[in-house]
Amino acid sequence: MAVLVKNKVEKNIGKLPVEIVTTTPSNRITVIGLSLTNLTQLFVNVSILIEDDGSSVGYYLKDTILPAGTSLRAVSTGEKLVLAPSNKLSVQSSIDDSVDVIVSYVETA
């Protein structure tokens, strides 16, 4: 079984959900760090969505307030978020081009 530790950066996320990481039918991802940073001088609301293999979408976080110029650690310090095969993790914001996301994860295949 191959185990890979990876990081991914997505910049300038806005009102439309942006897919951050996706699993295939044959792998899993364990998110070990997930940070969101507000790039604006305004308050923004951020949401983290998880889609399962049956196309059901649920909120990991919904409309969480992120003050101007601050960061939020949505997954940190020993917490883990497991994405099963054929799952997607997406992020959206209430303002266009307002949030950067950095995710650290372990991928197993």
PDB file of N, CA and C in Angstrom:
ATOM      1  N   MET A   1       0.846  -1.179   0.000  1.00  0.00           N
ATOM      2  CA  MET A   1       0.000   0.000   0.000  1.00  0.00           C
ATOM      3  C   MET A   1       0.886   1.235   0.000  1.00  0.00           C
ATOM      4  N   ALA A   2       0.689   2.090  -0.991  1.00  0.00           N
ATOM      5  CA  ALA A   2       1.447   3.331  -1.098  1.00  0.00           C
ATOM      6  C   ALA A   2       0.833   4.390  -0.203  1.00  0.00           C
ATOM      7  N   VAL A   3       1.708   5.110   0.530  1.00  0.00           N
ATOM      8  CA  VAL A   3       1.272   6.203   1.390  1.00  0.00           C
ATOM      9  C   VAL A   3       2.050   7.448   0.981  1.00  0.00           C
ATOM     10  N   LEU A   4       1.327   8.508   0.608  1.00  0.00           N
ATOM     11  CA  LEU A   4       1.941   9.753   0.175  1.00  0.00           C
ATOM     12  C   LEU A   4       1.457  10.893   1.049  1.00  0.00           C
ATOM     13  N   VAL A   5       2.379  11.746   1.507  1.00  0.00           N
ATOM     14  CA  VAL A   5       2.030  12.945   2.261  1.00  0.00           C
ATOM     15  C   VAL A   5       2.136  14.119   1.300  1.00  0.00           C
ATOM     16  N   LYS A   6       1.053  14.903   1.203  1.00  0.00           N
ATOM     17  CA  LYS A   6       0.994  15.972   0.212  1.00  0.00           C
ATOM     18  C   LYS A   6       0.442  17.259   0.825  1.00  0.00           C
ATOM     19  N   ASN A   7       0.698  18.369   0.141  1.00  0.00           N
ATOM     20  CA  ASN A   7       0.096  19.674   0.419  1.00  0.00           C
ATOM     21  C   ASN A   7      -0.551  20.169  -0.859  1.00  0.00           C
ATOM     22  N   LYS A   8      -1.592  20.960  -0.711  1.00  0.00           N
ATOM     23  CA  LYS A   8      -2.207  21.603  -1.873  1.00  0.00           C
ATOM     24  C   LYS A   8      -2.606  23.015  -1.484  1.00  0.00           C
ATOM     25  N   VAL A   9      -2.383  23.952  -2.395  1.00  0.00           N
ATOM     26  CA  VAL A   9      -2.728  25.353  -2.186  1.00  0.00           C
ATOM     27  C   VAL A   9      -3.742  25.756  -3.239  1.00  0.00           C
ATOM     28  N   GLU A  10      -4.836  26.361  -2.805  1.00  0.00           N
ATOM     29  CA  GLU A  10      -5.831  26.944  -3.724  1.00  0.00           C
ATOM     30  C   GLU A  10      -5.975  28.407  -3.352  1.00  0.00           C
ATOM     31  N   LYS A  11      -5.805  29.286  -4.334  1.00  0.00           N
ATOM     32  CA  LYS A  11      -5.836  30.726  -4.085  1.00  0.00           C
ATOM     33  C   LYS A  11      -7.119  31.373  -4.595  1.00  0.00           C
ATOM     34  N   ASN A  12      -7.493  32.454  -3.947  1.00  0.00           N
ATOM     35  CA  ASN A  12      -8.569  33.342  -4.402  1.00  0.00           C
ATOM     36  C   ASN A  12      -9.909  32.635  -4.591  1.00  0.00           C
ATOM     37  N   ILE A  13     -10.303  31.860  -3.612  1.00  0.00           N
ATOM     38  CA  ILE A  13     -11.592  31.174  -3.658  1.00  0.00           C
ATOM     39  C   ILE A  13     -12.703  32.189  -3.416  1.00  0.00           C
ATOM     40  N   GLY A  14     -13.826  31.988  -4.105  1.00  0.00           N
ATOM     41  CA  GLY A  14     -14.940  32.917  -4.004  1.00  0.00           C
ATOM     42  C   GLY A  14     -16.270  32.238  -3.803  1.00  0.00           C
ATOM     43  N   LYS A  15     -17.299  32.782  -4.439  1.00  0.00           N
ATOM     44  CA  LYS A  15     -18.679  32.357  -4.215  1.00  0.00           C
ATOM     45  C   LYS A  15     -19.010  30.966  -4.743  1.00  0.00           C
ATOM     46  N   LEU A  16     -18.309  30.515  -5.765  1.00  0.00           N
ATOM     47  CA  LEU A  16     -18.555  29.173  -6.287  1.00  0.00           C
ATOM     48  C   LEU A  16     -17.670  28.172  -5.553  1.00  0.00           C
ATOM     49  N   PRO A  17     -18.211  27.010  -5.177  1.00  0.00           N
ATOM     50  CA  PRO A  17     -17.385  26.005  -4.498  1.00  0.00           C
ATOM     51  C   PRO A  17     -16.203  25.582  -5.377  1.00  0.00           C
ATOM     52  N   VAL A  18     -15.037  25.499  -4.763  1.00  0.00           N
ATOM     53  CA  VAL A  18     -13.822  25.065  -5.453  1.00  0.00           C
ATOM     54  C   VAL A  18     -13.398  23.730  -4.852  1.00  0.00           C
ATOM     55  N   GLU A  19     -13.217  22.746  -5.718  1.00  0.00           N
ATOM     56  CA  GLU A  19     -12.793  21.421  -5.292  1.00  0.00           C
ATOM     57  C   GLU A  19     -11.331  21.495  -4.847  1.00  0.00           C
ATOM     58  N   ILE A  20     -11.084  21.104  -3.605  1.00  0.00           N
ATOM     59  CA  ILE A  20      -9.734  21.171  -3.057  1.00  0.00           C
ATOM     60  C   ILE A  20      -9.016  19.837  -3.230  1.00  0.00           C
ATOM     61  N   VAL A  21      -9.609  18.756  -2.740  1.00  0.00           N
ATOM     62  CA  VAL A  21      -9.064  17.410  -2.936  1.00  0.00           C
ATOM     63  C   VAL A  21     -10.196  16.447  -3.257  1.00  0.00           C
ATOM     64  N   THR A  22      -9.847  15.416  -4.030  1.00  0.00           N
ATOM     65  CA  THR A  22     -10.808  14.399  -4.448  1.00  0.00           C
ATOM     66  C   THR A  22     -10.148  13.038  -4.329  1.00  0.00           C
ATOM     67  N   THR A  23     -10.911  12.062  -3.894  1.00  0.00           N
ATOM     68  CA  THR A  23     -10.408  10.697  -3.877  1.00  0.00           C
ATOM     69  C   THR A  23     -10.929   9.951  -5.096  1.00  0.00           C
ATOM     70  N   THR A  24     -10.192   8.934  -5.495  1.00  0.00           N
ATOM     71  CA  THR A  24     -10.617   8.071  -6.592  1.00  0.00           C
ATOM     72  C   THR A  24     -11.375   6.885  -5.986  1.00  0.00           C
ATOM     73  N   PRO A  25     -11.961   6.026  -6.812  1.00  0.00           N
ATOM     74  CA  PRO A  25     -12.628   4.839  -6.266  1.00  0.00           C
ATOM     75  C   PRO A  25     -11.685   3.879  -5.531  1.00  0.00           C
ATOM     76  N   SER A  26     -10.366   4.056  -5.722  1.00  0.00           N
ATOM     77  CA  SER A  26      -9.431   3.117  -5.108  1.00  0.00           C
ATOM     78  C   SER A  26      -8.510   3.729  -4.052  1.00  0.00           C
ATOM     79  N   ASN A  27      -8.741   4.985  -3.641  1.00  0.00           N
ATOM     80  CA  ASN A  27      -7.876   5.554  -2.607  1.00  0.00           C
ATOM     81  C   ASN A  27      -8.677   6.290  -1.538  1.00  0.00           C
ATOM     82  N   ARG A  28      -7.990   6.623  -0.464  1.00  0.00           N
ATOM     83  CA  ARG A  28      -8.539   7.409   0.641  1.00  0.00           C
ATOM     84  C   ARG A  28      -7.591   8.565   0.919  1.00  0.00           C
ATOM     85  N   ILE A  29      -8.144   9.604   1.512  1.00  0.00           N
ATOM     86  CA  ILE A  29      -7.331  10.735   1.939  1.00  0.00           C
ATOM     87  C   ILE A  29      -7.673  11.026   3.402  1.00  0.00           C
ATOM     88  N   THR A  30      -6.628  11.239   4.192  1.00  0.00           N
ATOM     89  CA  THR A  30      -6.802  11.697   5.566  1.00  0.00           C
ATOM     90  C   THR A  30      -6.241  13.109   5.648  1.00  0.00           C
ATOM     91  N   VAL A  31      -7.120  14.073   5.855  1.00  0.00           N
ATOM     92  CA  VAL A  31      -6.710  15.473   5.973  1.00  0.00           C
ATOM     93  C   VAL A  31      -6.150  15.669   7.373  1.00  0.00           C
ATOM     94  N   ILE A  32      -4.895  16.146   7.449  1.00  0.00           N
ATOM     95  CA  ILE A  32      -4.237  16.355   8.738  1.00  0.00           C
ATOM     96  C   ILE A  32      -4.052  17.840   9.056  1.00  0.00           C
ATOM     97  N   GLY A  33      -4.348  18.685   8.089  1.00  0.00           N
ATOM     98  CA  GLY A  33      -4.294  20.131   8.299  1.00  0.00           C
ATOM     99  C   GLY A  33      -5.104  20.833   7.229  1.00  0.00           C
ATOM    100  N   LEU A  34      -5.904  21.815   7.637  1.00  0.00           N
ATOM    101  CA  LEU A  34      -6.717  22.579   6.681  1.00  0.00           C
ATOM    102  C   LEU A  34      -6.851  24.002   7.206  1.00  0.00           C
ATOM    103  N   SER A  35      -6.243  24.945   6.486  1.00  0.00           N
ATOM    104  CA  SER A  35      -6.257  26.349   6.893  1.00  0.00           C
ATOM    105  C   SER A  35      -6.893  27.200   5.810  1.00  0.00           C
ATOM    106  N   LEU A  36      -7.699  28.186   6.254  1.00  0.00           N
ATOM    107  CA  LEU A  36      -8.339  29.134   5.360  1.00  0.00           C
ATOM    108  C   LEU A  36      -7.932  30.532   5.797  1.00  0.00           C
ATOM    109  N   THR A  37      -7.554  31.384   4.848  1.00  0.00           N
ATOM    110  CA  THR A  37      -7.116  32.741   5.167  1.00  0.00           C
ATOM    111  C   THR A  37      -7.936  33.754   4.391  1.00  0.00           C
ATOM    112  N   ASN A  38      -8.476  34.739   5.106  1.00  0.00           N
ATOM    113  CA  ASN A  38      -9.243  35.826   4.506  1.00  0.00           C
ATOM    114  C   ASN A  38      -8.269  36.864   3.953  1.00  0.00           C
ATOM    115  N   LEU A  39      -8.336  37.110   2.657  1.00  0.00           N
ATOM    116  CA  LEU A  39      -7.431  38.040   1.984  1.00  0.00           C
ATOM    117  C   LEU A  39      -7.960  39.465   1.944  1.00  0.00           C
ATOM    118  N   THR A  40      -9.179  39.671   2.412  1.00  0.00           N
ATOM    119  CA  THR A  40      -9.836  40.975   2.261  1.00  0.00           C
ATOM    120  C   THR A  40      -9.785  41.798   3.547  1.00  0.00           C
ATOM    121  N   GLN A  41     -10.316  42.999   3.452  1.00  0.00           N
ATOM    122  CA  GLN A  41     -10.476  43.881   4.611  1.00  0.00           C
ATOM    123  C   GLN A  41     -11.898  43.820   5.162  1.00  0.00           C
ATOM    124  N   LEU A  42     -12.642  42.792   4.767  1.00  0.00           N
ATOM    125  CA  LEU A  42     -14.034  42.610   5.177  1.00  0.00           C
ATOM    126  C   LEU A  42     -14.201  41.265   5.862  1.00  0.00           C
ATOM    127  N   PHE A  43     -15.284  41.109   6.610  1.00  0.00           N
ATOM    128  CA  PHE A  43     -15.653  39.801   7.131  1.00  0.00           C
ATOM    129  C   PHE A  43     -16.157  38.962   5.966  1.00  0.00           C
ATOM    130  N   VAL A  44     -15.780  37.682   5.924  1.00  0.00           N
ATOM    131  CA  VAL A  44     -16.331  36.760   4.942  1.00  0.00           C
ATOM    132  C   VAL A  44     -16.887  35.539   5.675  1.00  0.00           C
ATOM    133  N   ASN A  45     -17.836  34.890   5.042  1.00  0.00           N
ATOM    134  CA  ASN A  45     -18.358  33.616   5.551  1.00  0.00           C
ATOM    135  C   ASN A  45     -17.784  32.519   4.671  1.00  0.00           C
ATOM    136  N   VAL A  46     -17.211  31.490   5.310  1.00  0.00           N
ATOM    137  CA  VAL A  46     -16.626  30.383   4.556  1.00  0.00           C
ATOM    138  C   VAL A  46     -17.356  29.087   4.895  1.00  0.00           C
ATOM    139  N   SER A  47     -17.442  28.223   3.898  1.00  0.00           N
ATOM    140  CA  SER A  47     -18.050  26.908   4.079  1.00  0.00           C
ATOM    141  C   SER A  47     -17.116  25.851   3.515  1.00  0.00           C
ATOM    142  N   ILE A  48     -17.065  24.704   4.196  1.00  0.00           N
ATOM    143  CA  ILE A  48     -16.327  23.535   3.725  1.00  0.00           C
ATOM    144  C   ILE A  48     -17.359  22.445   3.501  1.00  0.00           C
ATOM    145  N   LEU A  49     -17.384  21.906   2.283  1.00  0.00           N
ATOM    146  CA  LEU A  49     -18.372  20.905   1.910  1.00  0.00           C
ATOM    147  C   LEU A  49     -17.696  19.572   1.601  1.00  0.00           C
ATOM    148  N   ILE A  50     -18.376  18.487   1.949  1.00  0.00           N
ATOM    149  CA  ILE A  50     -17.912  17.140   1.638  1.00  0.00           C
ATOM    150  C   ILE A  50     -18.983  16.484   0.782  1.00  0.00           C
ATOM    151  N   GLU A  51     -18.557  15.907  -0.354  1.00  0.00           N
ATOM    152  CA  GLU A  51     -19.470  15.160  -1.221  1.00  0.00           C
ATOM    153  C   GLU A  51     -19.070  13.696  -1.188  1.00  0.00           C
ATOM    154  N   ASP A  52     -20.040  12.813  -0.945  1.00  0.00           N
ATOM    155  CA  ASP A  52     -19.741  11.379  -0.896  1.00  0.00           C
ATOM    156  C   ASP A  52     -19.910  10.735  -2.263  1.00  0.00           C
ATOM    157  N   ASP A  53     -19.729   9.416  -2.317  1.00  0.00           N
ATOM    158  CA  ASP A  53     -19.787   8.703  -3.598  1.00  0.00           C
ATOM    159  C   ASP A  53     -21.190   8.625  -4.175  1.00  0.00           C
ATOM    160  N   GLY A  54     -22.204   8.979  -3.398  1.00  0.00           N
ATOM    161  CA  GLY A  54     -23.576   8.998  -3.901  1.00  0.00           C
ATOM    162  C   GLY A  54     -24.046  10.390  -4.273  1.00  0.00           C
ATOM    163  N   SER A  55     -23.130  11.340  -4.366  1.00  0.00           N
ATOM    164  CA  SER A  55     -23.402  12.736  -4.716  1.00  0.00           C
ATOM    165  C   SER A  55     -24.167  13.509  -3.649  1.00  0.00           C
ATOM    166  N   SER A  56     -24.238  12.986  -2.416  1.00  0.00           N
ATOM    167  CA  SER A  56     -24.801  13.754  -1.304  1.00  0.00           C
ATOM    168  C   SER A  56     -23.744  14.734  -0.815  1.00  0.00           C
ATOM    169  N   VAL A  57     -24.157  15.972  -0.568  1.00  0.00           N
ATOM    170  CA  VAL A  57     -23.229  17.007  -0.109  1.00  0.00           C
ATOM    171  C   VAL A  57     -23.636  17.446   1.292  1.00  0.00           C
ATOM    172  N   GLY A  58     -22.653  17.469   2.195  1.00  0.00           N
ATOM    173  CA  GLY A  58     -22.883  17.935   3.558  1.00  0.00           C
ATOM    174  C   GLY A  58     -21.840  18.971   3.931  1.00  0.00           C
ATOM    175  N   TYR A  59     -22.140  19.756   4.958  1.00  0.00           N
ATOM    176  CA  TYR A  59     -21.229  20.804   5.413  1.00  0.00           C
ATOM    177  C   TYR A  59     -20.344  20.281   6.535  1.00  0.00           C
ATOM    178  N   TYR A  60     -19.039  20.471   6.386  1.00  0.00           N
ATOM    179  CA  TYR A  60     -18.104  20.264   7.489  1.00  0.00           C
ATOM    180  C   TYR A  60     -18.109  21.537   8.336  1.00  0.00           C
ATOM    181  N   LEU A  61     -18.122  22.686   7.667  1.00  0.00           N
ATOM    182  CA  LEU A  61     -18.361  24.003   8.277  1.00  0.00           C
ATOM    183  C   LEU A  61     -19.324  24.746   7.369  1.00  0.00           C
ATOM    184  N   LYS A  62     -20.242  25.516   7.959  1.00  0.00           N
ATOM    185  CA  LYS A  62     -21.206  26.265   7.143  1.00  0.00           C
ATOM    186  C   LYS A  62     -21.233  27.720   7.576  1.00  0.00           C
ATOM    187  N   ASP A  63     -20.946  28.590   6.621  1.00  0.00           N
ATOM    188  CA  ASP A  63     -21.013  30.044   6.824  1.00  0.00           C
ATOM    189  C   ASP A  63     -20.300  30.499   8.095  1.00  0.00           C
ATOM    190  N   THR A  64     -19.114  29.960   8.323  1.00  0.00           N
ATOM    191  CA  THR A  64     -18.299  30.352   9.471  1.00  0.00           C
ATOM    192  C   THR A  64     -17.686  31.719   9.199  1.00  0.00           C
ATOM    193  N   ILE A  65     -17.796  32.621  10.163  1.00  0.00           N
ATOM    194  CA  ILE A  65     -17.288  33.984   9.989  1.00  0.00           C
ATOM    195  C   ILE A  65     -15.771  33.985  10.115  1.00  0.00           C
ATOM    196  N   LEU A  66     -15.143  34.596   9.108  1.00  0.00           N
ATOM    197  CA  LEU A  66     -13.688  34.739   9.091  1.00  0.00           C
ATOM    198  C   LEU A  66     -13.379  36.235   9.014  1.00  0.00           C
ATOM    199  N   PRO A  67     -12.917  36.831  10.127  1.00  0.00           N
ATOM    200  CA  PRO A  67     -12.642  38.270  10.134  1.00  0.00           C
ATOM    201  C   PRO A  67     -11.552  38.666   9.137  1.00  0.00           C
ATOM    202  N   ALA A  68     -11.527  39.937   8.810  1.00  0.00           N
ATOM    203  CA  ALA A  68     -10.573  40.486   7.841  1.00  0.00           C
ATOM    204  C   ALA A  68      -9.144  40.127   8.207  1.00  0.00           C
ATOM    205  N   GLY A  69      -8.406  39.621   7.209  1.00  0.00           N
ATOM    206  CA  GLY A  69      -6.984  39.365   7.376  1.00  0.00           C
ATOM    207  C   GLY A  69      -6.611  38.260   8.351  1.00  0.00           C
ATOM    208  N   THR A  70      -7.545  37.396   8.720  1.00  0.00           N
ATOM    209  CA  THR A  70      -7.246  36.336   9.685  1.00  0.00           C
ATOM    210  C   THR A  70      -7.297  34.965   9.030  1.00  0.00           C
ATOM    211  N   SER A  71      -6.823  33.964   9.779  1.00  0.00           N
ATOM    212  CA  SER A  71      -6.836  32.580   9.317  1.00  0.00           C
ATOM    213  C   SER A  71      -7.656  31.717  10.262  1.00  0.00           C
ATOM    214  N   LEU A  72      -8.171  30.639   9.722  1.00  0.00           N
ATOM    215  CA  LEU A  72      -8.936  29.660  10.492  1.00  0.00           C
ATOM    216  C   LEU A  72      -8.316  28.289  10.251  1.00  0.00           C
ATOM    217  N   ARG A  73      -8.017  27.589  11.306  1.00  0.00           N
ATOM    218  CA  ARG A  73      -7.546  26.203  11.196  1.00  0.00           C
ATOM    219  C   ARG A  73      -8.757  25.302  11.361  1.00  0.00           C
ATOM    220  N   ALA A  74      -9.270  24.791  10.264  1.00  0.00           N
ATOM    221  CA  ALA A  74     -10.466  23.949  10.301  1.00  0.00           C
ATOM    222  C   ALA A  74     -10.142  22.520  10.722  1.00  0.00           C
ATOM    223  N   VAL A  75      -8.931  22.067  10.418  1.00  0.00           N
ATOM    224  CA  VAL A  75      -8.432  20.771  10.874  1.00  0.00           C
ATOM    225  C   VAL A  75      -7.026  21.022  11.390  1.00  0.00           C
ATOM    226  N   SER A  76      -6.790  20.700  12.678  1.00  0.00           N
ATOM    227  CA  SER A  76      -5.466  20.948  13.254  1.00  0.00           C
ATOM    228  C   SER A  76      -5.249  20.099  14.507  1.00  0.00           C
ATOM    229  N   THR A  77      -4.054  20.122  14.998  1.00  0.00           N
ATOM    230  CA  THR A  77      -3.644  19.565  16.282  1.00  0.00           C
ATOM    231  C   THR A  77      -4.259  18.209  16.607  1.00  0.00           C
ATOM    232  N   GLY A  78      -3.887  17.212  15.846  1.00  0.00           N
ATOM    233  CA  GLY A  78      -4.322  15.851  16.127  1.00  0.00           C
ATOM    234  C   GLY A  78      -5.670  15.473  15.556  1.00  0.00           C
ATOM    235  N   GLU A  79      -6.448  16.446  15.138  1.00  0.00           N
ATOM    236  CA  GLU A  79      -7.743  16.165  14.507  1.00  0.00           C
ATOM    237  C   GLU A  79      -7.497  15.657  13.094  1.00  0.00           C
ATOM    238  N   LYS A  80      -8.368  14.780  12.611  1.00  0.00           N
ATOM    239  CA  LYS A  80      -8.252  14.263  11.253  1.00  0.00           C
ATOM    240  C   LYS A  80      -9.625  14.243  10.590  1.00  0.00           C
ATOM    241  N   LEU A  81      -9.629  14.396   9.286  1.00  0.00           N
ATOM    242  CA  LEU A  81     -10.840  14.302   8.491  1.00  0.00           C
ATOM    243  C   LEU A  81     -10.574  13.272   7.408  1.00  0.00           C
ATOM    244  N   VAL A  82     -11.322  12.170   7.424  1.00  0.00           N
ATOM    245  CA  VAL A  82     -11.099  11.083   6.475  1.00  0.00           C
ATOM    246  C   VAL A  82     -12.083  11.207   5.322  1.00  0.00           C
ATOM    247  N   LEU A  83     -11.540  11.164   4.102  1.00  0.00           N
ATOM    248  CA  LEU A  83     -12.358  11.152   2.891  1.00  0.00           C
ATOM    249  C   LEU A  83     -12.292   9.741   2.320  1.00  0.00           C
ATOM    250  N   ALA A  84     -13.430   9.092   2.245  1.00  0.00           N
ATOM    251  CA  ALA A  84     -13.528   7.735   1.724  1.00  0.00           C
ATOM    252  C   ALA A  84     -13.360   7.751   0.205  1.00  0.00           C
ATOM    253  N   PRO A  85     -13.279   6.576  -0.426  1.00  0.00           N
ATOM    254  CA  PRO A  85     -13.177   6.543  -1.880  1.00  0.00           C
ATOM    255  C   PRO A  85     -14.323   7.316  -2.555  1.00  0.00           C
ATOM    256  N   SER A  86     -13.992   8.022  -3.620  1.00  0.00           N
ATOM    257  CA  SER A  86     -14.934   8.811  -4.429  1.00  0.00           C
ATOM    258  C   SER A  86     -15.594   9.947  -3.651  1.00  0.00           C
ATOM    259  N   ASN A  87     -14.854  10.584  -2.753  1.00  0.00           N
ATOM    260  CA  ASN A  87     -15.333  11.751  -2.007  1.00  0.00           C
ATOM    261  C   ASN A  87     -14.629  13.008  -2.515  1.00  0.00           C
ATOM    262  N   LYS A  88     -15.246  14.171  -2.257  1.00  0.00           N
ATOM    263  CA  LYS A  88     -14.668  15.461  -2.636  1.00  0.00           C
ATOM    264  C   LYS A  88     -14.755  16.415  -1.457  1.00  0.00           C
ATOM    265  N   LEU A  89     -13.740  17.244  -1.298  1.00  0.00           N
ATOM    266  CA  LEU A  89     -13.745  18.315  -0.309  1.00  0.00           C
ATOM    267  C   LEU A  89     -13.669  19.625  -1.078  1.00  0.00           C
ATOM    268  N   SER A  90     -14.631  20.522  -0.841  1.00  0.00           N
ATOM    269  CA  SER A  90     -14.692  21.812  -1.530  1.00  0.00           C
ATOM    270  C   SER A  90     -14.809  22.938  -0.516  1.00  0.00           C
ATOM    271  N   VAL A  91     -14.409  24.133  -0.937  1.00  0.00           N
ATOM    272  CA  VAL A  91     -14.492  25.335  -0.093  1.00  0.00           C
ATOM    273  C   VAL A  91     -15.132  26.447  -0.909  1.00  0.00           C
ATOM    274  N   GLN A  92     -15.952  27.261  -0.227  1.00  0.00           N
ATOM    275  CA  GLN A  92     -16.497  28.460  -0.869  1.00  0.00           C
ATOM    276  C   GLN A  92     -16.550  29.594   0.138  1.00  0.00           C
ATOM    277  N   SER A  93     -16.627  30.818  -0.390  1.00  0.00           N
ATOM    278  CA  SER A  93     -16.653  32.027   0.421  1.00  0.00           C
ATOM    279  C   SER A  93     -17.832  32.898  -0.005  1.00  0.00           C
ATOM    280  N   SER A  94     -18.165  33.853   0.821  1.00  0.00           N
ATOM    281  CA  SER A  94     -19.277  34.749   0.506  1.00  0.00           C
ATOM    282  C   SER A  94     -18.873  35.905  -0.409  1.00  0.00           C
ATOM    283  N   ILE A  95     -17.561  36.070  -0.643  1.00  0.00           N
ATOM    284  CA  ILE A  95     -17.050  37.156  -1.478  1.00  0.00           C
ATOM    285  C   ILE A  95     -16.070  36.561  -2.490  1.00  0.00           C
ATOM    286  N   ASP A  96     -16.157  36.984  -3.745  1.00  0.00           N
ATOM    287  CA  ASP A  96     -15.248  36.479  -4.773  1.00  0.00           C
ATOM    288  C   ASP A  96     -13.793  36.809  -4.463  1.00  0.00           C
ATOM    289  N   ASP A  97     -12.903  35.894  -4.827  1.00  0.00           N
ATOM    290  CA  ASP A  97     -11.446  36.074  -4.709  1.00  0.00           C
ATOM    291  C   ASP A  97     -11.019  36.509  -3.306  1.00  0.00           C
ATOM    292  N   SER A  98     -11.574  35.877  -2.273  1.00  0.00           N
ATOM    293  CA  SER A  98     -11.350  36.361  -0.914  1.00  0.00           C
ATOM    294  C   SER A  98     -10.609  35.415   0.015  1.00  0.00           C
ATOM    295  N   VAL A  99     -10.454  34.135  -0.346  1.00  0.00           N
ATOM    296  CA  VAL A  99      -9.909  33.159   0.599  1.00  0.00           C
ATOM    297  C   VAL A  99      -8.852  32.285  -0.076  1.00  0.00           C
ATOM    298  N   ASP A 100      -7.735  32.089   0.628  1.00  0.00           N
ATOM    299  CA  ASP A 100      -6.743  31.094   0.242  1.00  0.00           C
ATOM    300  C   ASP A 100      -6.898  29.882   1.151  1.00  0.00           C
ATOM    301  N   VAL A 101      -6.664  28.686   0.606  1.00  0.00           N
ATOM    302  CA  VAL A 101      -6.773  27.432   1.356  1.00  0.00           C
ATOM    303  C   VAL A 101      -5.481  26.649   1.200  1.00  0.00           C
ATOM    304  N   ILE A 102      -4.990  26.123   2.319  1.00  0.00           N
ATOM    305  CA  ILE A 102      -3.855  25.200   2.301  1.00  0.00           C
ATOM    306  C   ILE A 102      -4.295  23.940   3.029  1.00  0.00           C
ATOM    307  N   VAL A 103      -4.141  22.801   2.368  1.00  0.00           N
ATOM    308  CA  VAL A 103      -4.521  21.517   2.953  1.00  0.00           C
ATOM    309  C   VAL A 103      -3.301  20.603   2.943  1.00  0.00           C
ATOM    310  N   SER A 104      -3.082  19.929   4.058  1.00  0.00           N
ATOM    311  CA  SER A 104      -2.078  18.882   4.162  1.00  0.00           C
ATOM    312  C   SER A 104      -2.811  17.579   4.359  1.00  0.00           C
ATOM    313  N   TYR A 105      -2.383  16.532   3.628  1.00  0.00           N
ATOM    314  CA  TYR A 105      -3.118  15.279   3.721  1.00  0.00           C
ATOM    315  C   TYR A 105      -2.225  14.086   3.428  1.00  0.00           C
ATOM    316  N   VAL A 106      -2.706  12.925   3.869  1.00  0.00           N
ATOM    317  CA  VAL A 106      -2.060  11.663   3.600  1.00  0.00           C
ATOM    318  C   VAL A 106      -2.959  10.895   2.657  1.00  0.00           C
ATOM    319  N   GLU A 107      -2.396  10.443   1.545  1.00  0.00           N
ATOM    320  CA  GLU A 107      -3.162   9.688   0.553  1.00  0.00           C
ATOM    321  C   GLU A 107      -2.706   8.234   0.580  1.00  0.00           C
ATOM    322  N   THR A 108      -3.662   7.318   0.668  1.00  0.00           N
ATOM    323  CA  THR A 108      -3.342   5.896   0.638  1.00  0.00           C
ATOM    324  C   THR A 108      -4.061   5.256  -0.541  1.00  0.00           C
ATOM    325  N   ALA A 109      -3.357   4.376  -1.217  1.00  0.00           N
ATOM    326  CA  ALA A 109      -3.940   3.701  -2.378  1.00  0.00           C
ATOM    327  C   ALA A 109      -3.720   2.207  -2.267  1.00  0.00           C
TER     328      ALA A 109
END
